[in-house]
Amino acid sequence: MLKIIFALCLVVFNQSAYSNGSSFSSSYSLSEEDSLSRVRFFVGGVRSHQEDFKSELYPFLNFNYRTIGDYWLQEPVSVRWFMEGGVNFLAFFLPSAYAKLGPEIKLMNNFYLFSSLGLFFGYFFSPFIVPFGGTGFNYVYPISKSISLEMETGIHLPIIFVSELFLFPYITIGIAFN
């Protein structure tokens, strides 16, 4: 269901971005200088997929800072590195923090595929740190030179040795300030 909602949102934003109408927001496109680092505020939902865990969509808030390097590969695809650190506020839990980094591949105008490795810092009866890996898609819709609407969907997988597999798919929408 999350993938369907995200796909529909992408279609709507792509149609307005490539329309021939003269709307204010479609006159902007991301330049490399404008998108190298940004503060992002997101709302979203995350779900846990595990046999013994109730699989509900849990709402969360996310505040993060993302910085991106120059492209180190241009042909046949454009690839650059990103680093991101942030804080999550998930439903009934205390705030948690994370840091992640990885490659980002530009698929088409303002649409990116990324993968990452990171550390999750949380508190649930006691403090804990969990390494994780993930992958996802990010769509950036510039509203002006300094403000963008962003949508992101992906999946995180804790890199710990446990008897069962935990998967955390998520979807977010938010605003970014360059």
C-alpha atoms as a PDB file:
ATOM      1  CA  MET A   1       0.000   0.000   0.000  1.00  0.00           C
ATOM      2  CA  LEU A   2       2.835   2.407   0.850  1.00  0.00           C
ATOM      3  CA  LYS A   3       4.447   1.791  -2.534  1.00  0.00           C
ATOM      4  CA  ILE A   4       1.189   2.536  -4.342  1.00  0.00           C
ATOM      5  CA  ILE A   5       0.751   5.855  -2.499  1.00  0.00           C
ATOM      6  CA  PHE A   6       4.352   6.834  -3.212  1.00  0.00           C
ATOM      7  CA  ALA A   7       4.032   5.910  -6.907  1.00  0.00           C
ATOM      8  CA  LEU A   8       0.870   7.988  -7.255  1.00  0.00           C
ATOM      9  CA  CYS A   9       2.537  10.978  -5.623  1.00  0.00           C
ATOM     10  CA  LEU A  10       5.488  10.676  -8.012  1.00  0.00           C
ATOM     11  CA  VAL A  11       3.185  10.631 -11.026  1.00  0.00           C
ATOM     12  CA  VAL A  12       1.389  13.775  -9.822  1.00  0.00           C
ATOM     13  CA  PHE A  13       4.646  15.647  -9.153  1.00  0.00           C
ATOM     14  CA  ASN A  14       6.222  14.528 -12.434  1.00  0.00           C
ATOM     15  CA  GLN A  15       3.189  15.664 -14.409  1.00  0.00           C
ATOM     16  CA  SER A  16       3.293  19.113 -12.852  1.00  0.00           C
ATOM     17  CA  ALA A  17       7.072  19.396 -13.185  1.00  0.00           C
ATOM     18  CA  TYR A  18       7.076  18.589 -16.913  1.00  0.00           C
ATOM     19  CA  SER A  19       3.884  20.366 -17.888  1.00  0.00           C
ATOM     20  CA  ASN A  20       4.028  23.155 -20.451  1.00  0.00           C
ATOM     21  CA  GLY A  21       2.040  25.468 -18.158  1.00  0.00           C
ATOM     22  CA  SER A  22       3.867  28.356 -16.604  1.00  0.00           C
ATOM     23  CA  SER A  23       3.611  27.524 -12.929  1.00  0.00           C
ATOM     24  CA  PHE A  24       5.982  29.113 -10.443  1.00  0.00           C
ATOM     25  CA  SER A  25       7.365  25.893  -8.993  1.00  0.00           C
ATOM     26  CA  SER A  26       8.013  24.092 -12.291  1.00  0.00           C
ATOM     27  CA  SER A  27      10.412  26.852 -13.394  1.00  0.00           C
ATOM     28  CA  TYR A  28      13.045  25.624 -10.926  1.00  0.00           C
ATOM     29  CA  SER A  29      15.316  22.648 -11.210  1.00  0.00           C
ATOM     30  CA  LEU A  30      17.965  21.495  -8.821  1.00  0.00           C
ATOM     31  CA  SER A  31      21.467  22.698  -9.513  1.00  0.00           C
ATOM     32  CA  GLU A  32      24.359  20.872  -7.940  1.00  0.00           C
ATOM     33  CA  GLU A  33      25.223  23.870  -5.759  1.00  0.00           C
ATOM     34  CA  ASP A  34      21.649  24.109  -4.443  1.00  0.00           C
ATOM     35  CA  SER A  35      21.369  20.459  -3.391  1.00  0.00           C
ATOM     36  CA  LEU A  36      24.730  19.713  -1.762  1.00  0.00           C
ATOM     37  CA  SER A  37      23.497  20.083   1.811  1.00  0.00           C
ATOM     38  CA  ARG A  38      20.100  20.648   3.291  1.00  0.00           C
ATOM     39  CA  VAL A  39      18.043  20.511   6.483  1.00  0.00           C
ATOM     40  CA  ARG A  40      14.998  18.262   6.086  1.00  0.00           C
ATOM     41  CA  PHE A  41      11.757  17.929   8.089  1.00  0.00           C
ATOM     42  CA  PHE A  42       9.648  14.839   7.374  1.00  0.00           C
ATOM     43  CA  VAL A  43       6.460  13.150   8.511  1.00  0.00           C
ATOM     44  CA  GLY A  44       5.967   9.533   7.645  1.00  0.00           C
ATOM     45  CA  GLY A  45       5.102   6.033   8.595  1.00  0.00           C
ATOM     46  CA  VAL A  46       7.172   2.962   9.345  1.00  0.00           C
ATOM     47  CA  ARG A  47       6.125  -0.646   9.610  1.00  0.00           C
ATOM     48  CA  SER A  48       7.892  -3.604  11.211  1.00  0.00           C
ATOM     49  CA  HIS A  49       7.743  -6.946   9.462  1.00  0.00           C
ATOM     50  CA  GLN A  50       8.433  -9.773  11.861  1.00  0.00           C
ATOM     51  CA  GLU A  51       6.358 -12.871  12.610  1.00  0.00           C
ATOM     52  CA  ASP A  52       5.733 -12.215  16.325  1.00  0.00           C
ATOM     53  CA  PHE A  53       5.354  -8.431  15.998  1.00  0.00           C
ATOM     54  CA  LYS A  54       2.105  -6.663  15.178  1.00  0.00           C
ATOM     55  CA  SER A  55       2.613  -5.140  11.717  1.00  0.00           C
ATOM     56  CA  GLU A  56       0.996  -1.707  11.921  1.00  0.00           C
ATOM     57  CA  LEU A  57       1.949   1.558  10.329  1.00  0.00           C
ATOM     58  CA  TYR A  58       3.524   3.736  13.027  1.00  0.00           C
ATOM     59  CA  PRO A  59       3.652   7.498  12.391  1.00  0.00           C
ATOM     60  CA  PHE A  60       6.892   9.377  13.028  1.00  0.00           C
ATOM     61  CA  LEU A  61       8.571  12.756  12.669  1.00  0.00           C
ATOM     62  CA  ASN A  62      12.104  13.068  11.351  1.00  0.00           C
ATOM     63  CA  PHE A  63      14.510  16.011  11.421  1.00  0.00           C
ATOM     64  CA  ASN A  64      17.830  15.526   9.651  1.00  0.00           C
ATOM     65  CA  TYR A  65      20.781  17.151   7.946  1.00  0.00           C
ATOM     66  CA  ARG A  66      21.935  15.627   4.662  1.00  0.00           C
ATOM     67  CA  THR A  67      25.125  16.583   2.870  1.00  0.00           C
ATOM     68  CA  ILE A  68      26.094  15.308  -0.558  1.00  0.00           C
ATOM     69  CA  GLY A  69      29.463  15.295  -2.296  1.00  0.00           C
ATOM     70  CA  ASP A  70      30.291  16.015  -5.896  1.00  0.00           C
ATOM     71  CA  TYR A  71      29.610  13.358  -8.501  1.00  0.00           C
ATOM     72  CA  TRP A  72      32.522  10.939  -8.648  1.00  0.00           C
ATOM     73  CA  LEU A  73      31.058   9.045 -11.596  1.00  0.00           C
ATOM     74  CA  GLN A  74      29.190  10.755 -14.435  1.00  0.00           C
ATOM     75  CA  GLU A  75      28.842   8.130 -17.186  1.00  0.00           C
ATOM     76  CA  PRO A  76      26.921   5.896 -17.723  1.00  0.00           C
ATOM     77  CA  VAL A  77      25.166   6.931 -14.484  1.00  0.00           C
ATOM     78  CA  SER A  78      25.765   9.801 -12.045  1.00  0.00           C
ATOM     79  CA  VAL A  79      26.900   8.629  -8.597  1.00  0.00           C
ATOM     80  CA  ARG A  80      27.831  10.640  -5.525  1.00  0.00           C
ATOM     81  CA  TRP A  81      28.193  10.013  -1.770  1.00  0.00           C
ATOM     82  CA  PHE A  82      25.843  11.294   0.910  1.00  0.00           C
ATOM     83  CA  MET A  83      25.989  11.525   4.699  1.00  0.00           C
ATOM     84  CA  GLU A  84      22.949  12.065   6.881  1.00  0.00           C
ATOM     85  CA  GLY A  85      22.356  12.458  10.582  1.00  0.00           C
ATOM     86  CA  GLY A  86      19.004  12.929  12.224  1.00  0.00           C
ATOM     87  CA  VAL A  87      16.511  12.438  15.012  1.00  0.00           C
ATOM     88  CA  ASN A  88      13.302  10.371  14.844  1.00  0.00           C
ATOM     89  CA  PHE A  89      10.237  10.789  17.031  1.00  0.00           C
ATOM     90  CA  LEU A  90       8.255   7.547  16.745  1.00  0.00           C
ATOM     91  CA  ALA A  91       4.725   7.249  18.195  1.00  0.00           C
ATOM     92  CA  PHE A  92       5.143   6.145  21.829  1.00  0.00           C
ATOM     93  CA  PHE A  93       8.921   5.915  22.085  1.00  0.00           C
ATOM     94  CA  LEU A  94      11.590   8.346  23.188  1.00  0.00           C
ATOM     95  CA  PRO A  95      13.492  10.191  20.447  1.00  0.00           C
ATOM     96  CA  SER A  96      16.146   8.185  18.668  1.00  0.00           C
ATOM     97  CA  ALA A  97      19.106   9.337  16.592  1.00  0.00           C
ATOM     98  CA  TYR A  98      20.877   7.897  13.594  1.00  0.00           C
ATOM     99  CA  ALA A  99      23.776   8.515  11.246  1.00  0.00           C
ATOM    100  CA  LYS A 100      24.151   6.926   7.808  1.00  0.00           C
ATOM    101  CA  LEU A 101      26.173   7.232   4.629  1.00  0.00           C
ATOM    102  CA  GLY A 102      26.257   5.664   1.210  1.00  0.00           C
ATOM    103  CA  PRO A 103      26.113   6.142  -2.551  1.00  0.00           C
ATOM    104  CA  GLU A 104      23.308   7.999  -4.307  1.00  0.00           C
ATOM    105  CA  ILE A 105      22.542   7.351  -7.981  1.00  0.00           C
ATOM    106  CA  LYS A 106      20.693   9.906 -10.088  1.00  0.00           C
ATOM    107  CA  LEU A 107      18.095   7.967 -12.098  1.00  0.00           C
ATOM    108  CA  MET A 108      16.409  10.909 -13.811  1.00  0.00           C
ATOM    109  CA  ASN A 109      15.599  14.549 -13.171  1.00  0.00           C
ATOM    110  CA  ASN A 110      15.361  14.939  -9.343  1.00  0.00           C
ATOM    111  CA  PHE A 111      14.791  11.184  -8.768  1.00  0.00           C
ATOM    112  CA  TYR A 112      17.474   9.234  -6.857  1.00  0.00           C
ATOM    113  CA  LEU A 113      18.211   5.677  -5.748  1.00  0.00           C
ATOM    114  CA  PHE A 114      20.374   5.303  -2.641  1.00  0.00           C
ATOM    115  CA  SER A 115      21.777   2.663  -0.348  1.00  0.00           C
ATOM    116  CA  SER A 116      23.290   3.218   3.062  1.00  0.00           C
ATOM    117  CA  LEU A 117      25.013   1.826   6.107  1.00  0.00           C
ATOM    118  CA  GLY A 118      24.549   3.462   9.466  1.00  0.00           C
ATOM    119  CA  LEU A 119      24.123   3.369  13.214  1.00  0.00           C
ATOM    120  CA  PHE A 120      20.861   3.749  15.110  1.00  0.00           C
ATOM    121  CA  PHE A 121      21.012   5.123  18.660  1.00  0.00           C
ATOM    122  CA  GLY A 122      17.957   4.467  20.801  1.00  0.00           C
ATOM    123  CA  TYR A 123      16.609   3.962  24.281  1.00  0.00           C
ATOM    124  CA  PHE A 124      14.154   1.203  25.175  1.00  0.00           C
ATOM    125  CA  PHE A 125      14.539   0.305  28.888  1.00  0.00           C
ATOM    126  CA  SER A 126      18.255   0.959  28.357  1.00  0.00           C
ATOM    127  CA  PRO A 127      20.412   2.679  25.731  1.00  0.00           C
ATOM    128  CA  PHE A 128      21.360   0.662  22.655  1.00  0.00           C
ATOM    129  CA  ILE A 129      23.170   1.045  19.328  1.00  0.00           C
ATOM    130  CA  VAL A 130      22.199  -1.004  16.271  1.00  0.00           C
ATOM    131  CA  PRO A 131      24.078  -1.033  12.955  1.00  0.00           C
ATOM    132  CA  PHE A 132      21.765  -1.091   9.922  1.00  0.00           C
ATOM    133  CA  GLY A 133      21.731  -1.129   6.147  1.00  0.00           C
ATOM    134  CA  GLY A 134      19.099   0.174   3.811  1.00  0.00           C
ATOM    135  CA  THR A 135      18.029   1.201   0.369  1.00  0.00           C
ATOM    136  CA  GLY A 136      15.412   3.529  -1.021  1.00  0.00           C
ATOM    137  CA  PHE A 137      14.229   6.149  -3.484  1.00  0.00           C
ATOM    138  CA  ASN A 138      14.148   9.906  -3.039  1.00  0.00           C
ATOM    139  CA  TYR A 139      12.266  12.446  -5.153  1.00  0.00           C
ATOM    140  CA  VAL A 140      13.112  16.143  -4.802  1.00  0.00           C
ATOM    141  CA  TYR A 141      10.618  18.692  -6.130  1.00  0.00           C
ATOM    142  CA  PRO A 142      12.101  22.219  -6.049  1.00  0.00           C
ATOM    143  CA  ILE A 143       9.629  24.901  -4.992  1.00  0.00           C
ATOM    144  CA  SER A 144      12.219  27.701  -5.051  1.00  0.00           C
ATOM    145  CA  LYS A 145      16.017  27.991  -5.063  1.00  0.00           C
ATOM    146  CA  SER A 146      16.169  27.297  -1.323  1.00  0.00           C
ATOM    147  CA  ILE A 147      13.066  25.182  -0.564  1.00  0.00           C
ATOM    148  CA  SER A 148      12.172  21.733  -1.900  1.00  0.00           C
ATOM    149  CA  LEU A 149       9.426  19.228  -1.311  1.00  0.00           C
ATOM    150  CA  GLU A 150      10.878  15.739  -0.838  1.00  0.00           C
ATOM    151  CA  MET A 151       9.394  12.269  -0.789  1.00  0.00           C
ATOM    152  CA  GLU A 152      11.356   9.241   0.274  1.00  0.00           C
ATOM    153  CA  THR A 153      10.556   5.572   0.608  1.00  0.00           C
ATOM    154  CA  GLY A 154      12.821   2.714   1.513  1.00  0.00           C
ATOM    155  CA  ILE A 155      13.587  -0.181   3.777  1.00  0.00           C
ATOM    156  CA  HIS A 156      16.024  -0.584   6.662  1.00  0.00           C
ATOM    157  CA  LEU A 157      17.403  -3.853   7.929  1.00  0.00           C
ATOM    158  CA  PRO A 158      19.255  -4.093  11.262  1.00  0.00           C
ATOM    159  CA  ILE A 159      22.649  -5.761  10.868  1.00  0.00           C
ATOM    160  CA  ILE A 160      22.583  -7.862  14.019  1.00  0.00           C
ATOM    161  CA  PHE A 161      22.651 -11.580  14.529  1.00  0.00           C
ATOM    162  CA  VAL A 162      19.208 -12.593  15.717  1.00  0.00           C
ATOM    163  CA  SER A 163      17.080 -15.641  15.044  1.00  0.00           C
ATOM    164  CA  GLU A 164      14.416 -13.674  13.125  1.00  0.00           C
ATOM    165  CA  LEU A 165      14.607 -11.112  10.366  1.00  0.00           C
ATOM    166  CA  PHE A 166      13.417  -7.557  11.070  1.00  0.00           C
ATOM    167  CA  LEU A 167      12.470  -5.348   8.116  1.00  0.00           C
ATOM    168  CA  PHE A 168      11.463  -1.710   8.485  1.00  0.00           C
ATOM    169  CA  PRO A 169       9.867  -0.257   5.334  1.00  0.00           C
ATOM    170  CA  TYR A 170       9.042   3.439   5.545  1.00  0.00           C
ATOM    171  CA  ILE A 171       7.568   6.306   3.548  1.00  0.00           C
ATOM    172  CA  THR A 172       8.003  10.028   4.223  1.00  0.00           C
ATOM    173  CA  ILE A 173       7.111  13.382   2.787  1.00  0.00           C
ATOM    174  CA  GLY A 174       8.582  16.653   3.896  1.00  0.00           C
ATOM    175  CA  ILE A 175      10.298  19.898   3.177  1.00  0.00           C
ATOM    176  CA  ALA A 176      13.998  20.663   2.753  1.00  0.00           C
ATOM    177  CA  PHE A 177      15.863  23.939   3.136  1.00  0.00           C
ATOM    178  CA  ASN A 178      19.132  24.385   1.228  1.00  0.00           C
END
